[in-house]
């Protein structure tokens, strides 16, 4: 996995990896064929900071099962909520408690 232009991308080794047409792989994995615009977006702009690694072969965009799986993992991980900051005090300051009490919230 590599970071290219701020995007997380899996590397494709064209000598050893089995290349699969992008649309076919997406159909196999998702159960339906995504629109061509979706496939272009995955390849060019990415989703949630993850861009799909592809290569062009004979006029067809190809990817690998591993690259597609990494794309799905990365975009899912990037949209998970950030862990709570444990350094932030959980106690209210006296001034904040006074303002909340005056507003009838405490």
PDB file of N, CA and C in Angstrom:
ATOM      1  N   UNK A   1       0.848  -1.161   0.000  1.00  0.00           N
ATOM      2  CA  UNK A   1       0.000   0.000   0.000  1.00  0.00           C
ATOM      3  C   UNK A   1       0.899   1.230   0.000  1.00  0.00           C
ATOM      4  N   UNK A   2       0.560   2.202  -0.849  1.00  0.00           N
ATOM      5  CA  UNK A   2       1.361   3.413  -0.966  1.00  0.00           C
ATOM      6  C   UNK A   2       0.447   4.625  -0.912  1.00  0.00           C
ATOM      7  N   UNK A   3       1.042   5.755  -0.561  1.00  0.00           N
ATOM      8  CA  UNK A   3       0.294   7.003  -0.557  1.00  0.00           C
ATOM      9  C   UNK A   3       0.779   7.812  -1.747  1.00  0.00           C
ATOM     10  N   UNK A   4      -0.112   8.093  -2.688  1.00  0.00           N
ATOM     11  CA  UNK A   4       0.219   8.845  -3.888  1.00  0.00           C
ATOM     12  C   UNK A   4      -0.705  10.049  -3.940  1.00  0.00           C
ATOM     13  N   UNK A   5      -0.127  11.243  -3.996  1.00  0.00           N
ATOM     14  CA  UNK A   5      -0.906  12.489  -4.023  1.00  0.00           C
ATOM     15  C   UNK A   5      -1.908  12.558  -2.877  1.00  0.00           C
ATOM     16  N   UNK A   6      -1.543  12.034  -1.724  1.00  0.00           N
ATOM     17  CA  UNK A   6      -2.416  12.078  -0.561  1.00  0.00           C
ATOM     18  C   UNK A   6      -3.445  10.968  -0.521  1.00  0.00           C
ATOM     19  N   UNK A   7      -3.461  10.088  -1.526  1.00  0.00           N
ATOM     20  CA  UNK A   7      -4.422   8.998  -1.569  1.00  0.00           C
ATOM     21  C   UNK A   7      -3.736   7.697  -1.194  1.00  0.00           C
ATOM     22  N   UNK A   8      -4.465   6.828  -0.519  1.00  0.00           N
ATOM     23  CA  UNK A   8      -3.967   5.497  -0.192  1.00  0.00           C
ATOM     24  C   UNK A   8      -4.257   4.608  -1.396  1.00  0.00           C
ATOM     25  N   UNK A   9      -3.203   3.972  -1.938  1.00  0.00           N
ATOM     26  CA  UNK A   9      -3.380   3.120  -3.107  1.00  0.00           C
ATOM     27  C   UNK A   9      -2.548   1.856  -2.962  1.00  0.00           C
ATOM     28  N   UNK A  10      -3.109   0.741  -3.398  1.00  0.00           N
ATOM     29  CA  UNK A  10      -2.356  -0.512  -3.441  1.00  0.00           C
ATOM     30  C   UNK A  10      -1.527  -0.521  -4.717  1.00  0.00           C
ATOM     31  N   UNK A  11      -0.384  -1.143  -4.664  1.00  0.00           N
ATOM     32  CA  UNK A  11       0.469  -1.253  -5.840  1.00  0.00           C
ATOM     33  C   UNK A  11       0.049  -2.469  -6.662  1.00  0.00           C
ATOM     34  N   UNK A  12       0.132  -2.342  -7.982  1.00  0.00           N
ATOM     35  CA  UNK A  12      -0.181  -3.451  -8.873  1.00  0.00           C
ATOM     36  C   UNK A  12       1.107  -3.876  -9.562  1.00  0.00           C
ATOM     37  N   UNK A  13       1.406  -5.156  -9.464  1.00  0.00           N
ATOM     38  CA  UNK A  13       2.560  -5.715 -10.156  1.00  0.00           C
ATOM     39  C   UNK A  13       2.033  -6.403 -11.413  1.00  0.00           C
ATOM     40  N   UNK A  14       2.256  -5.785 -12.580  1.00  0.00           N
ATOM     41  CA  UNK A  14       1.669  -6.318 -13.816  1.00  0.00           C
ATOM     42  C   UNK A  14       2.314  -7.621 -14.255  1.00  0.00           C
ATOM     43  N   UNK A  15       3.456  -7.963 -13.688  1.00  0.00           N
ATOM     44  CA  UNK A  15       4.120  -9.208 -14.065  1.00  0.00           C
ATOM     45  C   UNK A  15       3.578 -10.416 -13.309  1.00  0.00           C
ATOM     46  N   UNK A  16       3.102 -10.215 -12.088  1.00  0.00           N
ATOM     47  CA  UNK A  16       2.666 -11.365 -11.285  1.00  0.00           C
ATOM     48  C   UNK A  16       1.190 -11.343 -10.908  1.00  0.00           C
ATOM     49  N   UNK A  17       0.564 -10.179 -10.845  1.00  0.00           N
ATOM     50  CA  UNK A  17      -0.838 -10.092 -10.418  1.00  0.00           C
ATOM     51  C   UNK A  17      -1.788 -10.421 -11.571  1.00  0.00           C
ATOM     52  N   UNK A  18      -2.891 -11.081 -11.239  1.00  0.00           N
ATOM     53  CA  UNK A  18      -3.922 -11.376 -12.230  1.00  0.00           C
ATOM     54  C   UNK A  18      -4.759 -10.121 -12.439  1.00  0.00           C
ATOM     55  N   UNK A  19      -4.708  -9.586 -13.654  1.00  0.00           N
ATOM     56  CA  UNK A  19      -5.456  -8.364 -13.962  1.00  0.00           C
ATOM     57  C   UNK A  19      -6.875  -8.720 -14.375  1.00  0.00           C
ATOM     58  N   UNK A  20      -7.818  -7.958 -13.859  1.00  0.00           N
ATOM     59  CA  UNK A  20      -9.235  -8.177 -14.124  1.00  0.00           C
ATOM     60  C   UNK A  20      -9.812  -6.842 -14.591  1.00  0.00           C
ATOM     61  N   UNK A  21     -10.654  -6.841 -15.649  1.00  0.00           N
ATOM     62  CA  UNK A  21     -11.275  -5.576 -16.069  1.00  0.00           C
ATOM     63  C   UNK A  21     -12.011  -4.937 -14.897  1.00  0.00           C
ATOM     64  N   UNK A  22     -11.853  -3.645 -14.765  1.00  0.00           N
ATOM     65  CA  UNK A  22     -12.387  -2.900 -13.621  1.00  0.00           C
ATOM     66  C   UNK A  22     -13.883  -3.121 -13.436  1.00  0.00           C
ATOM     67  N   UNK A  23     -14.654  -2.996 -14.488  1.00  0.00           N
ATOM     68  CA  UNK A  23     -16.105  -3.165 -14.383  1.00  0.00           C
ATOM     69  C   UNK A  23     -16.505  -4.571 -13.977  1.00  0.00           C
ATOM     70  N   UNK A  24     -15.793  -5.567 -14.489  1.00  0.00           N
ATOM     71  CA  UNK A  24     -16.106  -6.960 -14.150  1.00  0.00           C
ATOM     72  C   UNK A  24     -15.809  -7.259 -12.687  1.00  0.00           C
ATOM     73  N   UNK A  25     -14.680  -6.778 -12.205  1.00  0.00           N
ATOM     74  CA  UNK A  25     -14.321  -7.018 -10.811  1.00  0.00           C
ATOM     75  C   UNK A  25     -15.326  -6.358  -9.872  1.00  0.00           C
ATOM     76  N   UNK A  26     -15.702  -5.116 -10.186  1.00  0.00           N
ATOM     77  CA  UNK A  26     -16.678  -4.422  -9.344  1.00  0.00           C
ATOM     78  C   UNK A  26     -18.003  -5.174  -9.340  1.00  0.00           C
ATOM     79  N   UNK A  27     -18.394  -5.697 -10.502  1.00  0.00           N
ATOM     80  CA  UNK A  27     -19.651  -6.455 -10.580  1.00  0.00           C
ATOM     81  C   UNK A  27     -19.565  -7.729  -9.739  1.00  0.00           C
ATOM     82  N   UNK A  28     -18.420  -8.437  -9.812  1.00  0.00           N
ATOM     83  CA  UNK A  28     -18.239  -9.658  -9.030  1.00  0.00           C
ATOM     84  C   UNK A  28     -18.302  -9.371  -7.539  1.00  0.00           C
ATOM     85  N   UNK A  29     -17.647  -8.302  -7.103  1.00  0.00           N
ATOM     86  CA  UNK A  29     -17.537  -8.013  -5.667  1.00  0.00           C
ATOM     87  C   UNK A  29     -18.776  -7.359  -5.088  1.00  0.00           C
ATOM     88  N   UNK A  30     -19.443  -6.498  -5.863  1.00  0.00           N
ATOM     89  CA  UNK A  30     -20.569  -5.730  -5.336  1.00  0.00           C
ATOM     90  C   UNK A  30     -21.927  -6.315  -5.720  1.00  0.00           C
ATOM     91  N   UNK A  31     -21.949  -7.273  -6.656  1.00  0.00           N
ATOM     92  CA  UNK A  31     -23.205  -7.883  -7.064  1.00  0.00           C
ATOM     93  C   UNK A  31     -23.951  -7.106  -8.122  1.00  0.00           C
ATOM     94  N   UNK A  32     -23.476  -5.942  -8.488  1.00  0.00           N
ATOM     95  CA  UNK A  32     -24.088  -5.145  -9.553  1.00  0.00           C
ATOM     96  C   UNK A  32     -22.981  -4.343 -10.233  1.00  0.00           C
ATOM     97  N   UNK A  33     -23.223  -3.976 -11.459  1.00  0.00           N
ATOM     98  CA  UNK A  33     -22.221  -3.227 -12.207  1.00  0.00           C
ATOM     99  C   UNK A  33     -22.387  -1.736 -11.911  1.00  0.00           C
ATOM    100  N   UNK A  34     -21.360  -1.099 -11.315  1.00  0.00           N
ATOM    101  CA  UNK A  34     -21.426   0.345 -11.082  1.00  0.00           C
ATOM    102  C   UNK A  34     -21.416   1.100 -12.408  1.00  0.00           C
ATOM    103  N   UNK A  35     -21.909   2.313 -12.394  1.00  0.00           N
ATOM    104  CA  UNK A  35     -21.924   3.120 -13.610  1.00  0.00           C
ATOM    105  C   UNK A  35     -20.499   3.476 -14.025  1.00  0.00           C
ATOM    106  N   UNK A  36     -20.291   3.743 -15.313  1.00  0.00           N
ATOM    107  CA  UNK A  36     -18.959   4.167 -15.771  1.00  0.00           C
ATOM    108  C   UNK A  36     -18.461   5.401 -15.028  1.00  0.00           C
ATOM    109  N   UNK A  37     -19.357   6.310 -14.665  1.00  0.00           N
ATOM    110  CA  UNK A  37     -18.946   7.517 -13.929  1.00  0.00           C
ATOM    111  C   UNK A  37     -18.380   7.149 -12.556  1.00  0.00           C
ATOM    112  N   UNK A  38     -18.963   6.154 -11.914  1.00  0.00           N
ATOM    113  CA  UNK A  38     -18.470   5.700 -10.613  1.00  0.00           C
ATOM    114  C   UNK A  38     -17.075   5.112 -10.753  1.00  0.00           C
ATOM    115  N   UNK A  39     -16.879   4.290 -11.777  1.00  0.00           N
ATOM    116  CA  UNK A  39     -15.571   3.689 -12.001  1.00  0.00           C
ATOM    117  C   UNK A  39     -14.515   4.755 -12.277  1.00  0.00           C
ATOM    118  N   UNK A  40     -14.861   5.778 -13.055  1.00  0.00           N
ATOM    119  CA  UNK A  40     -13.931   6.883 -13.320  1.00  0.00           C
ATOM    120  C   UNK A  40     -13.607   7.632 -12.031  1.00  0.00           C
ATOM    121  N   UNK A  41     -14.618   7.863 -11.199  1.00  0.00           N
ATOM    122  CA  UNK A  41     -14.403   8.581  -9.946  1.00  0.00           C
ATOM    123  C   UNK A  41     -13.475   7.790  -9.023  1.00  0.00           C
ATOM    124  N   UNK A  42     -13.677   6.489  -8.926  1.00  0.00           N
ATOM    125  CA  UNK A  42     -12.803   5.655  -8.098  1.00  0.00           C
ATOM    126  C   UNK A  42     -11.364   5.762  -8.571  1.00  0.00           C
ATOM    127  N   UNK A  43     -11.168   5.805  -9.877  1.00  0.00           N
ATOM    128  CA  UNK A  43      -9.833   5.816 -10.456  1.00  0.00           C
ATOM    129  C   UNK A  43      -9.175   7.191 -10.374  1.00  0.00           C
ATOM    130  N   UNK A  44      -9.928   8.249 -10.638  1.00  0.00           N
ATOM    131  CA  UNK A  44      -9.335   9.590 -10.721  1.00  0.00           C
ATOM    132  C   UNK A  44      -9.397  10.380  -9.413  1.00  0.00           C
ATOM    133  N   UNK A  45     -10.584  10.533  -8.858  1.00  0.00           N
ATOM    134  CA  UNK A  45     -10.740  11.374  -7.656  1.00  0.00           C
ATOM    135  C   UNK A  45     -10.664  10.574  -6.369  1.00  0.00           C
ATOM    136  N   UNK A  46     -11.071   9.330  -6.431  1.00  0.00           N
ATOM    137  CA  UNK A  46     -11.079   8.506  -5.235  1.00  0.00           C
ATOM    138  C   UNK A  46     -12.309   8.760  -4.377  1.00  0.00           C
ATOM    139  N   UNK A  47     -12.374   8.036  -3.276  1.00  0.00           N
ATOM    140  CA  UNK A  47     -13.492   8.137  -2.337  1.00  0.00           C
ATOM    141  C   UNK A  47     -12.910   8.129  -0.931  1.00  0.00           C
ATOM    142  N   UNK A  48     -13.246   9.122  -0.125  1.00  0.00           N
ATOM    143  CA  UNK A  48     -12.796   9.197   1.269  1.00  0.00           C
ATOM    144  C   UNK A  48     -11.283   9.017   1.418  1.00  0.00           C
ATOM    145  N   UNK A  49     -10.532   9.627   0.532  1.00  0.00           N
ATOM    146  CA  UNK A  49      -9.078   9.570   0.634  1.00  0.00           C
ATOM    147  C   UNK A  49      -8.450   8.303   0.099  1.00  0.00           C
ATOM    148  N   UNK A  50      -9.221   7.435  -0.546  1.00  0.00           N
ATOM    149  CA  UNK A  50      -8.688   6.207  -1.145  1.00  0.00           C
ATOM    150  C   UNK A  50      -8.982   6.232  -2.637  1.00  0.00           C
ATOM    151  N   UNK A  51      -7.970   5.958  -3.438  1.00  0.00           N
ATOM    152  CA  UNK A  51      -8.140   5.908  -4.882  1.00  0.00           C
ATOM    153  C   UNK A  51      -7.773   4.514  -5.358  1.00  0.00           C
ATOM    154  N   UNK A  52      -8.557   3.992  -6.299  1.00  0.00           N
ATOM    155  CA  UNK A  52      -8.354   2.637  -6.797  1.00  0.00           C
ATOM    156  C   UNK A  52      -7.161   2.603  -7.740  1.00  0.00           C
ATOM    157  N   UNK A  53      -6.246   1.683  -7.485  1.00  0.00           N
ATOM    158  CA  UNK A  53      -5.083   1.492  -8.352  1.00  0.00           C
ATOM    159  C   UNK A  53      -5.518   0.711  -9.591  1.00  0.00           C
ATOM    160  N   UNK A  54      -5.204   1.242 -10.762  1.00  0.00           N
ATOM    161  CA  UNK A  54      -5.559   0.602 -12.024  1.00  0.00           C
ATOM    162  C   UNK A  54      -4.403   0.724 -13.006  1.00  0.00           C
ATOM    163  N   UNK A  55      -4.426  -0.130 -14.017  1.00  0.00           N
ATOM    164  CA  UNK A  55      -3.504  -0.029 -15.142  1.00  0.00           C
ATOM    165  C   UNK A  55      -4.336  -0.165 -16.404  1.00  0.00           C
ATOM    166  N   UNK A  56      -3.824   0.392 -17.500  1.00  0.00           N
ATOM    167  CA  UNK A  56      -4.545   0.305 -18.761  1.00  0.00           C
ATOM    168  C   UNK A  56      -3.865  -0.725 -19.637  1.00  0.00           C
ATOM    169  N   UNK A  57      -4.661  -1.654 -20.140  1.00  0.00           N
ATOM    170  CA  UNK A  57      -4.135  -2.717 -20.986  1.00  0.00           C
ATOM    171  C   UNK A  57      -5.083  -2.914 -22.158  1.00  0.00           C
ATOM    172  N   UNK A  58      -4.588  -2.667 -23.358  1.00  0.00           N
ATOM    173  CA  UNK A  58      -5.413  -2.862 -24.553  1.00  0.00           C
ATOM    174  C   UNK A  58      -6.656  -2.009 -24.575  1.00  0.00           C
ATOM    175  N   UNK A  59      -6.582  -0.793 -24.051  1.00  0.00           N
ATOM    176  CA  UNK A  59      -7.719   0.117 -24.046  1.00  0.00           C
ATOM    177  C   UNK A  59      -8.718  -0.143 -22.937  1.00  0.00           C
ATOM    178  N   UNK A  60      -8.407  -1.057 -22.031  1.00  0.00           N
ATOM    179  CA  UNK A  60      -9.314  -1.407 -20.938  1.00  0.00           C
ATOM    180  C   UNK A  60      -8.617  -1.150 -19.608  1.00  0.00           C
ATOM    181  N   UNK A  61      -9.317  -0.507 -18.683  1.00  0.00           N
ATOM    182  CA  UNK A  61      -8.759  -0.279 -17.345  1.00  0.00           C
ATOM    183  C   UNK A  61      -8.881  -1.564 -16.551  1.00  0.00           C
ATOM    184  N   UNK A  62      -7.766  -1.988 -15.967  1.00  0.00           N
ATOM    185  CA  UNK A  62      -7.699  -3.242 -15.226  1.00  0.00           C
ATOM    186  C   UNK A  62      -7.219  -2.965 -13.801  1.00  0.00           C
ATOM    187  N   UNK A  63      -7.616  -3.850 -12.899  1.00  0.00           N
ATOM    188  CA  UNK A  63      -7.143  -3.789 -11.522  1.00  0.00           C
ATOM    189  C   UNK A  63      -7.002  -5.223 -11.019  1.00  0.00           C
ATOM    190  N   UNK A  64      -6.658  -5.378  -9.774  1.00  0.00           N
ATOM    191  CA  UNK A  64      -6.538  -6.710  -9.185  1.00  0.00           C
ATOM    192  C   UNK A  64      -7.523  -6.834  -8.025  1.00  0.00           C
ATOM    193  N   UNK A  65      -7.785  -8.067  -7.660  1.00  0.00           N
ATOM    194  CA  UNK A  65      -8.684  -8.306  -6.524  1.00  0.00           C
ATOM    195  C   UNK A  65      -8.096  -7.701  -5.250  1.00  0.00           C
ATOM    196  N   UNK A  66      -6.770  -7.799  -5.092  1.00  0.00           N
ATOM    197  CA  UNK A  66      -6.123  -7.251  -3.898  1.00  0.00           C
ATOM    198  C   UNK A  66      -6.217  -5.724  -3.881  1.00  0.00           C
ATOM    199  N   UNK A  67      -6.028  -5.077  -5.029  1.00  0.00           N
ATOM    200  CA  UNK A  67      -6.113  -3.613  -5.088  1.00  0.00           C
ATOM    201  C   UNK A  67      -7.539  -3.149  -4.795  1.00  0.00           C
ATOM    202  N   UNK A  68      -8.529  -3.878  -5.308  1.00  0.00           N
ATOM    203  CA  UNK A  68      -9.920  -3.512  -5.061  1.00  0.00           C
ATOM    204  C   UNK A  68     -10.270  -3.692  -3.588  1.00  0.00           C
ATOM    205  N   UNK A  69      -9.809  -4.782  -2.986  1.00  0.00           N
ATOM    206  CA  UNK A  69     -10.062  -5.019  -1.563  1.00  0.00           C
ATOM    207  C   UNK A  69      -9.410  -3.931  -0.716  1.00  0.00           C
ATOM    208  N   UNK A  70      -8.195  -3.541  -1.056  1.00  0.00           N
ATOM    209  CA  UNK A  70      -7.504  -2.487  -0.313  1.00  0.00           C
ATOM    210  C   UNK A  70      -8.223  -1.146  -0.469  1.00  0.00           C
ATOM    211  N   UNK A  71      -8.746  -0.872  -1.662  1.00  0.00           N
ATOM    212  CA  UNK A  71      -9.525   0.345  -1.910  1.00  0.00           C
ATOM    213  C   UNK A  71     -10.747   0.385  -1.000  1.00  0.00           C
ATOM    214  N   UNK A  72     -11.470  -0.725  -0.908  1.00  0.00           N
ATOM    215  CA  UNK A  72     -12.650  -0.778  -0.040  1.00  0.00           C
ATOM    216  C   UNK A  72     -12.261  -0.638   1.430  1.00  0.00           C
ATOM    217  N   UNK A  73     -11.178  -1.322   1.842  1.00  0.00           N
ATOM    218  CA  UNK A  73     -10.718  -1.223   3.234  1.00  0.00           C
ATOM    219  C   UNK A  73     -10.320   0.210   3.582  1.00  0.00           C
ATOM    220  N   UNK A  74      -9.554   0.850   2.693  1.00  0.00           N
ATOM    221  CA  UNK A  74      -9.041   2.195   2.970  1.00  0.00           C
ATOM    222  C   UNK A  74     -10.167   3.214   3.055  1.00  0.00           C
ATOM    223  N   UNK A  75     -11.129   3.147   2.142  1.00  0.00           N
ATOM    224  CA  UNK A  75     -12.205   4.141   2.209  1.00  0.00           C
ATOM    225  C   UNK A  75     -13.093   3.913   3.423  1.00  0.00           C
ATOM    226  N   UNK A  76     -13.255   2.665   3.841  1.00  0.00           N
ATOM    227  CA  UNK A  76     -14.034   2.387   5.048  1.00  0.00           C
ATOM    228  C   UNK A  76     -13.301   2.904   6.282  1.00  0.00           C
ATOM    229  N   UNK A  77     -12.005   2.642   6.350  1.00  0.00           N
ATOM    230  CA  UNK A  77     -11.217   3.102   7.493  1.00  0.00           C
ATOM    231  C   UNK A  77     -11.184   4.618   7.577  1.00  0.00           C
ATOM    232  N   UNK A  78     -11.157   5.285   6.420  1.00  0.00           N
ATOM    233  CA  UNK A  78     -11.074   6.748   6.407  1.00  0.00           C
ATOM    234  C   UNK A  78     -12.382   7.420   6.804  1.00  0.00           C
ATOM    235  N   UNK A  79     -13.493   6.696   6.782  1.00  0.00           N
ATOM    236  CA  UNK A  79     -14.753   7.342   7.171  1.00  0.00           C
ATOM    237  C   UNK A  79     -15.213   6.904   8.558  1.00  0.00           C
ATOM    238  N   UNK A  80     -14.364   6.163   9.274  1.00  0.00           N
ATOM    239  CA  UNK A  80     -14.663   5.805  10.658  1.00  0.00           C
ATOM    240  C   UNK A  80     -14.468   7.051  11.536  1.00  0.00           C
ATOM    241  N   UNK A  81     -15.253   7.205  12.573  1.00  0.00           N
ATOM    242  CA  UNK A  81     -15.072   8.358  13.446  1.00  0.00           C
ATOM    243  C   UNK A  81     -13.714   8.311  14.146  1.00  0.00           C
ATOM    244  N   UNK A  82     -13.161   9.467  14.354  1.00  0.00           N
ATOM    245  CA  UNK A  82     -11.870   9.558  15.041  1.00  0.00           C
ATOM    246  C   UNK A  82     -12.052   9.161  16.505  1.00  0.00           C
ATOM    247  N   UNK A  83     -11.044   8.544  17.093  1.00  0.00           N
ATOM    248  CA  UNK A  83     -11.158   8.189  18.513  1.00  0.00           C
ATOM    249  C   UNK A  83     -11.274   9.447  19.367  1.00  0.00           C
ATOM    250  N   UNK A  84     -11.972   9.319  20.461  1.00  0.00           N
ATOM    251  CA  UNK A  84     -12.147  10.460  21.362  1.00  0.00           C
ATOM    252  C   UNK A  84     -10.816  10.865  21.970  1.00  0.00           C
ATOM    253  N   UNK A  85     -10.632  12.151  22.112  1.00  0.00           N
ATOM    254  CA  UNK A  85      -9.399  12.677  22.705  1.00  0.00           C
ATOM    255  C   UNK A  85      -9.494  12.498  24.217  1.00  0.00           C
ATOM    256  N   UNK A  86      -8.652  11.676  24.788  1.00  0.00           N
ATOM    257  CA  UNK A  86      -8.720  11.393  26.219  1.00  0.00           C
ATOM    258  C   UNK A  86      -8.036  12.470  27.056  1.00  0.00           C
ATOM    259  N   UNK A  87      -7.321  13.387  26.421  1.00  0.00           N
ATOM    260  CA  UNK A  87      -6.650  14.452  27.158  1.00  0.00           C
ATOM    261  C   UNK A  87      -7.584  15.607  27.515  1.00  0.00           C
ATOM    262  N   UNK A  88      -8.769  15.620  26.922  1.00  0.00           N
ATOM    263  CA  UNK A  88      -9.713  16.702  27.194  1.00  0.00           C
ATOM    264  C   UNK A  88     -10.382  16.430  28.540  1.00  0.00           C
ATOM    265  N   UNK A  89     -10.372  17.388  29.426  1.00  0.00           N
ATOM    266  CA  UNK A  89     -11.000  17.164  30.730  1.00  0.00           C
ATOM    267  C   UNK A  89     -12.504  16.967  30.585  1.00  0.00           C
ATOM    268  N   UNK A  90     -13.053  16.048  31.375  1.00  0.00           N
ATOM    269  CA  UNK A  90     -14.483  15.767  31.306  1.00  0.00           C
ATOM    270  C   UNK A  90     -15.267  16.627  32.292  1.00  0.00           C
ATOM    271  N   UNK A  91     -14.579  17.259  33.212  1.00  0.00           N
ATOM    272  CA  UNK A  91     -15.237  18.128  34.188  1.00  0.00           C
ATOM    273  C   UNK A  91     -15.495  19.489  33.569  1.00  0.00           C
ATOM    274  N   UNK A  92     -16.627  20.066  33.923  1.00  0.00           N
ATOM    275  CA  UNK A  92     -16.928  21.430  33.466  1.00  0.00           C
ATOM    276  C   UNK A  92     -16.252  22.418  34.393  1.00  0.00           C
ATOM    277  N   UNK A  93     -15.851  23.523  33.793  1.00  0.00           N
ATOM    278  CA  UNK A  93     -15.294  24.579  34.635  1.00  0.00           C
ATOM    279  C   UNK A  93     -16.434  25.208  35.428  1.00  0.00           C
ATOM    280  N   UNK A  94     -16.087  25.903  36.489  1.00  0.00           N
ATOM    281  CA  UNK A  94     -17.096  26.543  37.339  1.00  0.00           C
ATOM    282  C   UNK A  94     -17.881  27.578  36.536  1.00  0.00           C
ATOM    283  N   UNK A  95     -17.193  28.307  35.667  1.00  0.00           N
ATOM    284  CA  UNK A  95     -17.860  29.334  34.866  1.00  0.00           C
ATOM    285  C   UNK A  95     -18.867  28.705  33.906  1.00  0.00           C
ATOM    286  N   UNK A  96     -18.499  27.596  33.286  1.00  0.00           N
ATOM    287  CA  UNK A  96     -19.403  26.919  32.356  1.00  0.00           C
ATOM    288  C   UNK A  96     -20.602  26.357  33.104  1.00  0.00           C
ATOM    289  N   UNK A  97     -20.373  25.746  34.264  1.00  0.00           N
ATOM    290  CA  UNK A  97     -21.473  25.212  35.064  1.00  0.00           C
ATOM    291  C   UNK A  97     -22.429  26.317  35.481  1.00  0.00           C
ATOM    292  N   UNK A  98     -21.895  27.484  35.819  1.00  0.00           N
ATOM    293  CA  UNK A  98     -22.722  28.620  36.237  1.00  0.00           C
ATOM    294  C   UNK A  98     -23.588  29.099  35.070  1.00  0.00           C
ATOM    295  N   UNK A  99     -22.978  29.172  33.851  1.00  0.00           N
ATOM    296  CA  UNK A  99     -23.745  29.611  32.674  1.00  0.00           C
ATOM    297  C   UNK A  99     -24.846  28.598  32.323  1.00  0.00           C
ATOM    298  N   UNK A 100     -24.534  27.326  32.400  1.00  0.00           N
ATOM    299  CA  UNK A 100     -25.528  26.302  32.105  1.00  0.00           C
ATOM    300  C   UNK A 100     -26.659  26.329  33.125  1.00  0.00           C
ATOM    301  N   UNK A 101     -26.314  26.531  34.404  1.00  0.00           N
ATOM    302  CA  UNK A 101     -27.339  26.604  35.459  1.00  0.00           C
ATOM    303  C   UNK A 101     -28.238  27.834  35.255  1.00  0.00           C
ATOM    304  N   UNK A 102     -27.616  28.940  34.850  1.00  0.00           N
ATOM    305  CA  UNK A 102     -28.398  30.168  34.625  1.00  0.00           C
ATOM    306  C   UNK A 102     -29.353  29.988  33.452  1.00  0.00           C
ATOM    307  N   UNK A 103     -28.959  29.176  32.464  1.00  0.00           N
ATOM    308  CA  UNK A 103     -29.818  28.933  31.306  1.00  0.00           C
ATOM    309  C   UNK A 103     -30.855  27.853  31.583  1.00  0.00           C
ATOM    310  N   UNK A 104     -30.778  27.227  32.762  1.00  0.00           N
ATOM    311  CA  UNK A 104     -31.739  26.195  33.133  1.00  0.00           C
ATOM    312  C   UNK A 104     -31.412  24.834  32.532  1.00  0.00           C
ATOM    313  N   UNK A 105     -30.155  24.653  32.104  1.00  0.00           N
ATOM    314  CA  UNK A 105     -29.748  23.388  31.506  1.00  0.00           C
ATOM    315  C   UNK A 105     -29.132  22.419  32.495  1.00  0.00           C
ATOM    316  N   UNK A 106     -28.836  22.859  33.690  1.00  0.00           N
ATOM    317  CA  UNK A 106     -28.295  21.988  34.729  1.00  0.00           C
ATOM    318  C   UNK A 106     -29.209  21.961  35.928  1.00  0.00           C
TER     319      UNK A 106
END
